[in-house]
């Protein structure tokens, strides 16, 4: 992070998500993490295309995991409330 608080999003991530110069983001805090959520975005890609790009980058070779066993952050309890 620069002295001005600027961060660089790697090119492969920008390309995968269809991010372009000038893209604005909503900045969220989730537990100890920072989440950047693109706002007002028009990438020209469909959700299916973006998901296919992400799947090509992130591979999970293990067994299927039921949605009930997934959590977004270890800082959340079983009700989804911040601990």
C-alpha atoms as a PDB file:
ATOM      1  CA  UNK A   1       0.000   0.000   0.000  1.00  0.00           C
ATOM      2  CA  UNK A   2       1.347   3.437  -0.896  1.00  0.00           C
ATOM      3  CA  UNK A   3       1.664   6.338   1.552  1.00  0.00           C
ATOM      4  CA  UNK A   4      -1.612   7.671   0.080  1.00  0.00           C
ATOM      5  CA  UNK A   5      -3.384   4.372   0.824  1.00  0.00           C
ATOM      6  CA  UNK A   6      -3.423   3.279  -2.818  1.00  0.00           C
ATOM      7  CA  UNK A   7      -3.257  -0.409  -3.723  1.00  0.00           C
ATOM      8  CA  UNK A   8      -2.595  -2.138  -7.037  1.00  0.00           C
ATOM      9  CA  UNK A   9      -4.962  -4.867  -8.201  1.00  0.00           C
ATOM     10  CA  UNK A  10      -2.911  -7.421 -10.187  1.00  0.00           C
ATOM     11  CA  UNK A  11      -3.511  -7.361 -13.953  1.00  0.00           C
ATOM     12  CA  UNK A  12      -4.692 -10.979 -14.120  1.00  0.00           C
ATOM     13  CA  UNK A  13      -7.364 -10.216 -11.490  1.00  0.00           C
ATOM     14  CA  UNK A  14      -8.432  -7.017 -13.304  1.00  0.00           C
ATOM     15  CA  UNK A  15      -8.652  -8.910 -16.588  1.00  0.00           C
ATOM     16  CA  UNK A  16     -10.529 -11.837 -15.039  1.00  0.00           C
ATOM     17  CA  UNK A  17     -13.135  -9.532 -13.492  1.00  0.00           C
ATOM     18  CA  UNK A  18     -13.319  -7.180 -16.455  1.00  0.00           C
ATOM     19  CA  UNK A  19     -12.176  -4.160 -14.425  1.00  0.00           C
ATOM     20  CA  UNK A  20     -11.219  -1.054 -16.383  1.00  0.00           C
ATOM     21  CA  UNK A  21      -9.388   2.183 -15.496  1.00  0.00           C
ATOM     22  CA  UNK A  22     -11.679   4.547 -13.613  1.00  0.00           C
ATOM     23  CA  UNK A  23     -13.629   1.704 -11.973  1.00  0.00           C
ATOM     24  CA  UNK A  24     -14.984   2.797  -8.602  1.00  0.00           C
ATOM     25  CA  UNK A  25     -15.295   0.515  -5.582  1.00  0.00           C
ATOM     26  CA  UNK A  26     -17.267   0.318  -2.392  1.00  0.00           C
ATOM     27  CA  UNK A  27     -14.815  -0.393   0.457  1.00  0.00           C
ATOM     28  CA  UNK A  28     -16.135  -2.722   3.154  1.00  0.00           C
ATOM     29  CA  UNK A  29     -14.642  -4.110   6.339  1.00  0.00           C
ATOM     30  CA  UNK A  30     -15.470  -7.743   7.083  1.00  0.00           C
ATOM     31  CA  UNK A  31     -13.859  -8.787  10.340  1.00  0.00           C
ATOM     32  CA  UNK A  32     -10.142  -8.239   9.784  1.00  0.00           C
ATOM     33  CA  UNK A  33     -10.486  -8.195   5.990  1.00  0.00           C
ATOM     34  CA  UNK A  34     -10.968  -5.383   3.493  1.00  0.00           C
ATOM     35  CA  UNK A  35     -13.415  -6.096   0.664  1.00  0.00           C
ATOM     36  CA  UNK A  36     -13.504  -4.042  -2.535  1.00  0.00           C
ATOM     37  CA  UNK A  37     -16.859  -4.280  -4.295  1.00  0.00           C
ATOM     38  CA  UNK A  38     -17.071  -2.738  -7.777  1.00  0.00           C
ATOM     39  CA  UNK A  39     -19.869  -0.170  -8.115  1.00  0.00           C
ATOM     40  CA  UNK A  40     -21.788   0.880 -11.208  1.00  0.00           C
ATOM     41  CA  UNK A  41     -19.825  -1.587 -13.232  1.00  0.00           C
ATOM     42  CA  UNK A  42     -20.471  -2.493 -16.848  1.00  0.00           C
ATOM     43  CA  UNK A  43     -17.856  -5.002 -17.943  1.00  0.00           C
ATOM     44  CA  UNK A  44     -19.524  -6.262 -21.070  1.00  0.00           C
ATOM     45  CA  UNK A  45     -19.181  -9.766 -19.623  1.00  0.00           C
ATOM     46  CA  UNK A  46     -22.076 -11.858 -18.438  1.00  0.00           C
ATOM     47  CA  UNK A  47     -22.117 -13.301 -14.929  1.00  0.00           C
ATOM     48  CA  UNK A  48     -21.469 -16.719 -16.474  1.00  0.00           C
ATOM     49  CA  UNK A  49     -18.366 -15.387 -18.271  1.00  0.00           C
ATOM     50  CA  UNK A  50     -17.013 -13.774 -15.112  1.00  0.00           C
ATOM     51  CA  UNK A  51     -17.656 -16.966 -13.124  1.00  0.00           C
ATOM     52  CA  UNK A  52     -15.948 -19.068 -15.813  1.00  0.00           C
ATOM     53  CA  UNK A  53     -12.922 -16.745 -15.604  1.00  0.00           C
ATOM     54  CA  UNK A  54     -12.832 -17.148 -11.829  1.00  0.00           C
ATOM     55  CA  UNK A  55     -13.207 -20.927 -12.014  1.00  0.00           C
ATOM     56  CA  UNK A  56     -10.299 -21.056 -14.459  1.00  0.00           C
ATOM     57  CA  UNK A  57      -8.137 -19.216 -11.904  1.00  0.00           C
ATOM     58  CA  UNK A  58      -9.216 -20.991  -8.720  1.00  0.00           C
ATOM     59  CA  UNK A  59      -9.283 -24.758  -8.760  1.00  0.00           C
ATOM     60  CA  UNK A  60     -10.738 -26.905  -5.996  1.00  0.00           C
ATOM     61  CA  UNK A  61     -10.054 -30.606  -6.466  1.00  0.00           C
ATOM     62  CA  UNK A  62     -11.705 -31.849  -3.276  1.00  0.00           C
ATOM     63  CA  UNK A  63     -15.215 -33.175  -2.648  1.00  0.00           C
ATOM     64  CA  UNK A  64     -18.292 -30.950  -2.896  1.00  0.00           C
ATOM     65  CA  UNK A  65     -18.914 -28.900   0.255  1.00  0.00           C
ATOM     66  CA  UNK A  66     -22.533 -28.353   1.350  1.00  0.00           C
ATOM     67  CA  UNK A  67     -23.455 -24.656   1.502  1.00  0.00           C
ATOM     68  CA  UNK A  68     -24.316 -25.035   5.196  1.00  0.00           C
ATOM     69  CA  UNK A  69     -20.646 -25.772   5.933  1.00  0.00           C
ATOM     70  CA  UNK A  70     -19.331 -22.680   4.129  1.00  0.00           C
ATOM     71  CA  UNK A  71     -18.645 -19.417   5.941  1.00  0.00           C
ATOM     72  CA  UNK A  72     -17.392 -16.075   4.659  1.00  0.00           C
ATOM     73  CA  UNK A  73     -15.208 -15.304   7.624  1.00  0.00           C
ATOM     74  CA  UNK A  74     -13.989 -17.107  10.731  1.00  0.00           C
ATOM     75  CA  UNK A  75     -15.071 -13.971  12.628  1.00  0.00           C
ATOM     76  CA  UNK A  76     -18.753 -14.861  12.180  1.00  0.00           C
ATOM     77  CA  UNK A  77     -20.712 -17.168  14.458  1.00  0.00           C
ATOM     78  CA  UNK A  78     -23.224 -19.790  13.287  1.00  0.00           C
ATOM     79  CA  UNK A  79     -25.951 -17.124  12.993  1.00  0.00           C
ATOM     80  CA  UNK A  80     -23.756 -15.077  10.633  1.00  0.00           C
ATOM     81  CA  UNK A  81     -23.243 -12.349  13.206  1.00  0.00           C
ATOM     82  CA  UNK A  82     -19.846 -10.818  13.856  1.00  0.00           C
ATOM     83  CA  UNK A  83     -18.281 -12.319  16.956  1.00  0.00           C
END
